[in-house]
Amino acid sequence: MKPLPRRIRVLLSGLFPALFLIPFFALAAGCATSPDDSRSSISLAGDFSTPIQIQIDNFVRRQPPAVYVSPRGRLDHRPRALFVPLRAVQQIGNAVSFSEMLSRQVWQIWLSLNAFEALEYAPEAGPFDRSRALALARQRGAELLVGGYINHYMDGGSGGDSSLSLALEVYDVKTGTQLWSLAQGGMMEARQVHDFYLFSIKERNPADPSGLIARTLAWDMGRVVLAWVDPAAARKRDPSMLDSVFGRKAF
């Protein structure tokens, strides 16, 4: 039997990695449950005469949440909590409206995690002020208060770099003791093209990258608190192969 021509052998050697890569995309998308479900939409183009083009949704590059204050033991029940808008630290136009809009997205993610018996959102509380928010939480009969800060914000739109960093705090309403202090930053880079042998991967940005970053950070930090209430419900996400290819770290 004659050996395959060299041109065909070279073509197949480059095609096999591409074919093996596709199931990993599907696996990563199928396992993802956070708002950063960035690899669930994949499209392919190309044939044997042109490079294969793989398009994926861009994703949030971030470090794990930094935990500065945490309770010593786990909680034995799901508490009732009040969530107040975060306070923007840097100068931002229409800071109160911006804070309310972004904080509502963070609250919705924490609400979806089911870490609390009830998690009321109080936009009328205004940007987070510890004393004022604790007084309001006592009036509402909440056990815990959730607030914090928007430390950094940059919105590059669908074509530029976007970044965000948040600090979230949880207080015992009865005593005023701080139970949790969490901080995390994330960024979404401008669309990139990653060229490999015989195929390339192109990233697509969402219409609202800063919103996706906020929801993703809220998910990460919310799961830290969820593990305090229900460790079994907060299983750690295994890193995918693509994390090592593109990198997930920020700052």
Protein backbone atom coordinates (compact mmCIF):
# COMPACT_ATOMS: atom_id res chain seq x y z
CA MET A 1 0.00 0.00 0.00
CA LYS A 2 1.40 3.36 -1.01
CA PRO A 3 1.99 5.91 1.72
CA LEU A 4 -0.17 9.00 1.76
CA PRO A 5 1.29 12.03 -0.04
CA ARG A 6 3.18 14.38 2.23
CA ARG A 7 0.64 17.19 1.67
CA ILE A 8 -2.21 14.97 2.91
CA ARG A 9 -0.21 13.81 5.95
CA VAL A 10 0.49 17.42 6.90
CA LEU A 11 -3.17 18.31 6.46
CA LEU A 12 -4.36 15.46 8.66
CA SER A 13 -1.78 16.21 11.35
CA GLY A 14 -3.20 19.70 11.65
CA LEU A 15 -6.84 18.66 11.37
CA PHE A 16 -6.79 16.09 14.19
CA PRO A 17 -6.03 18.65 16.96
CA ALA A 18 -8.86 20.81 15.66
CA LEU A 19 -11.28 17.89 15.71
CA PHE A 20 -10.24 16.91 19.21
CA LEU A 21 -10.63 20.50 20.35
CA ILE A 22 -14.31 20.69 19.42
CA PRO A 23 -15.53 18.21 22.09
CA PHE A 24 -13.61 20.18 24.70
CA PHE A 25 -15.55 23.27 23.70
CA ALA A 26 -18.79 21.37 24.07
CA LEU A 27 -17.69 19.92 27.41
CA ALA A 28 -16.69 23.30 28.78
CA ALA A 29 -19.98 24.80 27.68
CA GLY A 30 -22.02 21.93 29.11
CA CYS A 31 -20.36 22.13 32.54
CA ALA A 32 -20.55 25.90 32.91
CA THR A 33 -23.32 27.23 35.14
CA SER A 34 -22.06 30.73 35.94
CA PRO A 35 -23.25 33.83 34.04
CA ASP A 36 -19.93 33.59 32.16
CA ASP A 37 -21.25 30.72 30.04
CA SER A 38 -19.04 32.02 27.28
CA ARG A 39 -18.34 28.87 25.30
CA SER A 40 -21.91 27.70 24.81
CA SER A 41 -22.14 29.35 21.39
CA ILE A 42 -19.63 28.01 18.90
CA SER A 43 -19.65 28.31 15.12
CA LEU A 44 -17.31 26.74 12.58
CA ALA A 45 -16.39 27.77 9.05
CA GLY A 46 -13.81 26.59 6.53
CA ASP A 47 -12.93 23.42 4.63
CA PHE A 48 -9.87 21.44 3.54
CA SER A 49 -8.73 24.27 1.29
CA THR A 50 -9.03 27.11 3.83
CA PRO A 51 -8.22 27.34 7.55
CA ILE A 52 -10.98 26.27 9.91
CA GLN A 53 -12.45 29.29 11.72
CA ILE A 54 -13.84 28.69 15.22
CA GLN A 55 -15.80 31.52 16.83
CA ILE A 56 -16.43 31.59 20.59
CA ASP A 57 -17.92 34.11 23.00
CA ASN A 58 -15.30 36.05 24.93
CA PHE A 59 -15.10 35.38 28.66
CA VAL A 60 -14.28 37.11 31.94
CA ARG A 61 -10.68 36.79 33.05
CA ARG A 62 -10.50 36.97 36.84
CA GLN A 63 -8.74 35.79 39.96
CA PRO A 64 -10.61 33.81 42.65
CA PRO A 65 -12.35 36.01 45.22
CA ALA A 66 -10.11 37.41 47.97
CA VAL A 67 -11.60 36.68 51.40
CA TYR A 68 -10.49 39.19 54.06
CA VAL A 69 -13.10 38.45 56.74
CA SER A 70 -15.07 35.22 57.17
CA PRO A 71 -17.01 33.45 59.94
CA ARG A 72 -15.27 30.72 61.90
CA GLY A 73 -18.07 28.19 61.57
CA ARG A 74 -20.79 27.43 59.06
CA LEU A 75 -24.35 28.65 59.41
CA ASP A 76 -27.01 26.04 60.17
CA HIS A 77 -29.86 27.76 58.32
CA ARG A 78 -30.60 30.06 55.41
CA PRO A 79 -30.89 33.58 56.85
CA ARG A 80 -33.10 36.50 55.88
CA ALA A 81 -31.01 39.34 54.42
CA LEU A 82 -31.29 42.86 53.06
CA PHE A 83 -29.23 43.89 50.01
CA VAL A 84 -28.50 47.61 49.51
CA PRO A 85 -26.94 49.30 46.45
CA LEU A 86 -23.14 49.32 46.28
CA ARG A 87 -21.25 52.59 46.56
CA ALA A 88 -19.10 53.69 43.59
CA VAL A 89 -15.67 54.74 44.81
CA GLN A 90 -14.30 56.30 41.63
CA GLN A 91 -15.81 59.37 39.99
CA ILE A 92 -18.63 58.23 37.70
CA GLY A 93 -21.32 60.31 36.00
CA ASN A 94 -24.79 59.74 37.50
CA ALA A 95 -23.14 57.64 40.21
CA VAL A 96 -26.38 56.89 42.10
CA SER A 97 -28.24 55.64 39.01
CA PHE A 98 -25.20 53.69 37.84
CA SER A 99 -24.77 52.09 41.27
CA GLU A 100 -28.44 51.08 41.43
CA MET A 101 -28.34 49.57 37.94
CA LEU A 102 -25.18 47.52 38.49
CA SER A 103 -26.11 46.54 42.06
CA ARG A 104 -29.42 45.13 40.86
CA GLN A 105 -27.53 42.70 38.63
CA VAL A 106 -25.34 41.60 41.55
CA TRP A 107 -28.44 41.16 43.74
CA GLN A 108 -30.19 39.07 41.09
CA ILE A 109 -27.25 36.68 40.91
CA TRP A 110 -27.08 36.31 44.71
CA LEU A 111 -30.84 35.75 44.73
CA SER A 112 -30.52 32.98 42.13
CA LEU A 113 -27.91 31.14 44.24
CA ASN A 114 -30.56 30.43 46.90
CA ALA A 115 -28.16 31.08 49.79
CA PHE A 116 -30.81 33.02 51.73
CA GLU A 117 -34.34 32.33 52.90
CA ALA A 118 -35.13 35.80 51.60
CA LEU A 119 -32.90 38.47 50.06
CA GLU A 120 -34.74 41.78 49.78
CA TYR A 121 -33.34 44.53 47.59
CA ALA A 122 -33.69 48.08 48.94
CA PRO A 123 -32.85 50.65 46.21
CA GLU A 124 -34.27 53.43 48.39
CA ALA A 125 -31.37 52.89 50.84
CA GLY A 126 -29.07 54.70 48.41
CA PRO A 127 -25.34 53.93 48.00
CA PHE A 128 -23.98 51.76 50.82
CA ASP A 129 -23.49 53.49 54.15
CA ARG A 130 -22.93 50.99 56.97
CA SER A 131 -24.77 52.79 59.80
CA ARG A 132 -27.74 53.84 57.68
CA ALA A 133 -28.05 50.42 56.04
CA LEU A 134 -27.89 48.56 59.38
CA ALA A 135 -30.67 50.76 60.77
CA LEU A 136 -32.84 50.01 57.74
CA ALA A 137 -32.09 46.27 57.98
CA ARG A 138 -33.22 46.24 61.63
CA GLN A 139 -36.47 47.97 60.65
CA ARG A 140 -37.07 45.31 57.96
CA GLY A 141 -36.39 42.42 60.36
CA ALA A 142 -33.38 41.10 58.43
CA GLU A 143 -30.70 38.92 60.03
CA LEU A 144 -27.93 39.96 57.64
CA LEU A 145 -27.03 43.05 55.66
CA VAL A 146 -25.27 42.84 52.28
CA GLY A 147 -23.57 45.91 50.82
CA GLY A 148 -20.21 47.00 49.48
CA TYR A 149 -18.32 49.04 46.93
CA ILE A 150 -17.64 49.37 43.21
CA ASN A 151 -13.91 50.05 43.40
CA HIS A 152 -13.11 50.24 39.70
CA TYR A 153 -15.18 50.43 36.52
CA MET A 154 -14.22 50.76 32.86
CA ASP A 155 -16.64 50.04 30.04
CA GLY A 156 -15.00 49.47 26.68
CA GLY A 157 -18.20 48.42 24.94
CA SER A 158 -18.31 45.51 22.53
CA GLY A 159 -15.01 46.41 20.86
CA GLY A 160 -12.66 47.48 23.66
CA ASP A 161 -11.32 46.37 27.03
CA SER A 162 -13.74 46.38 29.97
CA SER A 163 -12.85 45.87 33.64
CA LEU A 164 -14.56 45.94 37.02
CA SER A 165 -13.66 45.27 40.63
CA LEU A 166 -16.14 44.82 43.49
CA ALA A 167 -15.94 44.55 47.27
CA LEU A 168 -18.90 42.93 49.05
CA GLU A 169 -19.52 42.94 52.80
CA VAL A 170 -21.98 41.01 54.96
CA TYR A 171 -22.95 42.14 58.48
CA ASP A 172 -24.83 40.62 61.38
CA VAL A 173 -27.71 43.06 61.77
CA LYS A 174 -28.26 42.45 65.49
CA THR A 175 -24.68 43.13 66.60
CA GLY A 176 -23.31 45.10 63.64
CA THR A 177 -20.40 42.63 63.37
CA GLN A 178 -18.85 42.17 59.96
CA LEU A 179 -19.09 38.51 58.93
CA TRP A 180 -17.73 38.61 55.38
CA SER A 181 -15.41 40.86 53.40
CA LEU A 182 -14.89 39.73 49.81
CA ALA A 183 -13.19 41.40 46.86
CA GLN A 184 -12.67 40.39 43.25
CA GLY A 185 -11.76 41.96 39.93
CA GLY A 186 -12.36 40.84 36.38
CA MET A 187 -11.79 42.03 32.86
CA MET A 188 -12.93 41.28 29.34
CA GLU A 189 -10.34 42.04 26.72
CA ALA A 190 -11.01 43.36 23.24
CA ARG A 191 -11.86 40.73 20.69
CA GLN A 192 -8.84 38.60 19.81
CA VAL A 193 -7.87 36.03 17.22
CA HIS A 194 -5.82 33.00 18.33
CA ASP A 195 -4.07 31.43 15.34
CA PHE A 196 -3.24 27.73 15.51
CA TYR A 197 -2.07 25.28 12.88
CA LEU A 198 -4.72 25.11 10.13
CA PHE A 199 -7.39 26.77 12.29
CA SER A 200 -8.00 29.97 14.22
CA ILE A 201 -10.21 30.89 17.15
CA LYS A 202 -11.98 34.26 17.13
CA GLU A 203 -13.56 35.75 20.24
CA ARG A 204 -16.84 37.71 20.25
CA ASN A 205 -17.73 40.26 22.92
CA PRO A 206 -21.27 40.59 24.30
CA ALA A 207 -23.24 43.80 23.91
CA ASP A 208 -22.80 44.60 27.62
CA PRO A 209 -19.39 43.28 28.72
CA SER A 210 -19.30 45.24 32.00
CA GLY A 211 -22.66 43.76 32.99
CA LEU A 212 -21.39 40.26 32.30
CA ILE A 213 -18.29 40.95 34.41
CA ALA A 214 -20.48 42.19 37.29
CA ARG A 215 -22.72 39.11 37.18
CA THR A 216 -19.73 36.78 36.96
CA LEU A 217 -17.96 38.34 39.95
CA ALA A 218 -21.23 38.27 41.89
CA TRP A 219 -21.55 34.56 41.09
CA ASP A 220 -18.01 33.77 42.28
CA MET A 221 -18.33 35.70 45.54
CA GLY A 222 -21.89 34.53 46.12
CA ARG A 223 -20.79 30.91 45.97
CA VAL A 224 -18.27 31.61 48.74
CA VAL A 225 -21.16 32.69 50.97
CA LEU A 226 -23.29 29.79 49.72
CA ALA A 227 -20.62 27.36 50.93
CA TRP A 228 -21.02 28.89 54.40
CA VAL A 229 -24.73 28.07 54.36
CA ASP A 230 -24.77 24.86 52.31
CA PRO A 231 -21.35 23.40 51.40
CA ALA A 232 -22.85 20.66 49.24
CA ALA A 233 -24.54 23.24 47.02
CA ALA A 234 -21.32 25.11 46.30
CA ARG A 235 -19.27 22.54 44.43
CA LYS A 236 -16.11 23.89 42.91
CA ARG A 237 -16.03 24.23 39.13
CA ASP A 238 -13.23 22.24 37.56
CA PRO A 239 -11.03 24.34 35.27
CA SER A 240 -11.40 23.55 31.59
CA MET A 241 -8.62 22.88 29.13
CA LEU A 242 -9.36 26.23 27.52
CA ASP A 243 -8.49 28.08 30.70
CA SER A 244 -4.86 27.11 30.17
CA VAL A 245 -5.03 28.08 26.50
CA PHE A 246 -6.48 31.58 26.94
CA GLY A 247 -5.88 32.26 30.66
CA ARG A 248 -8.57 33.34 33.12
CA LYS A 249 -6.55 35.67 35.34
CA ALA A 250 -7.01 39.42 35.58
CA PHE A 251 -5.03 42.23 37.20
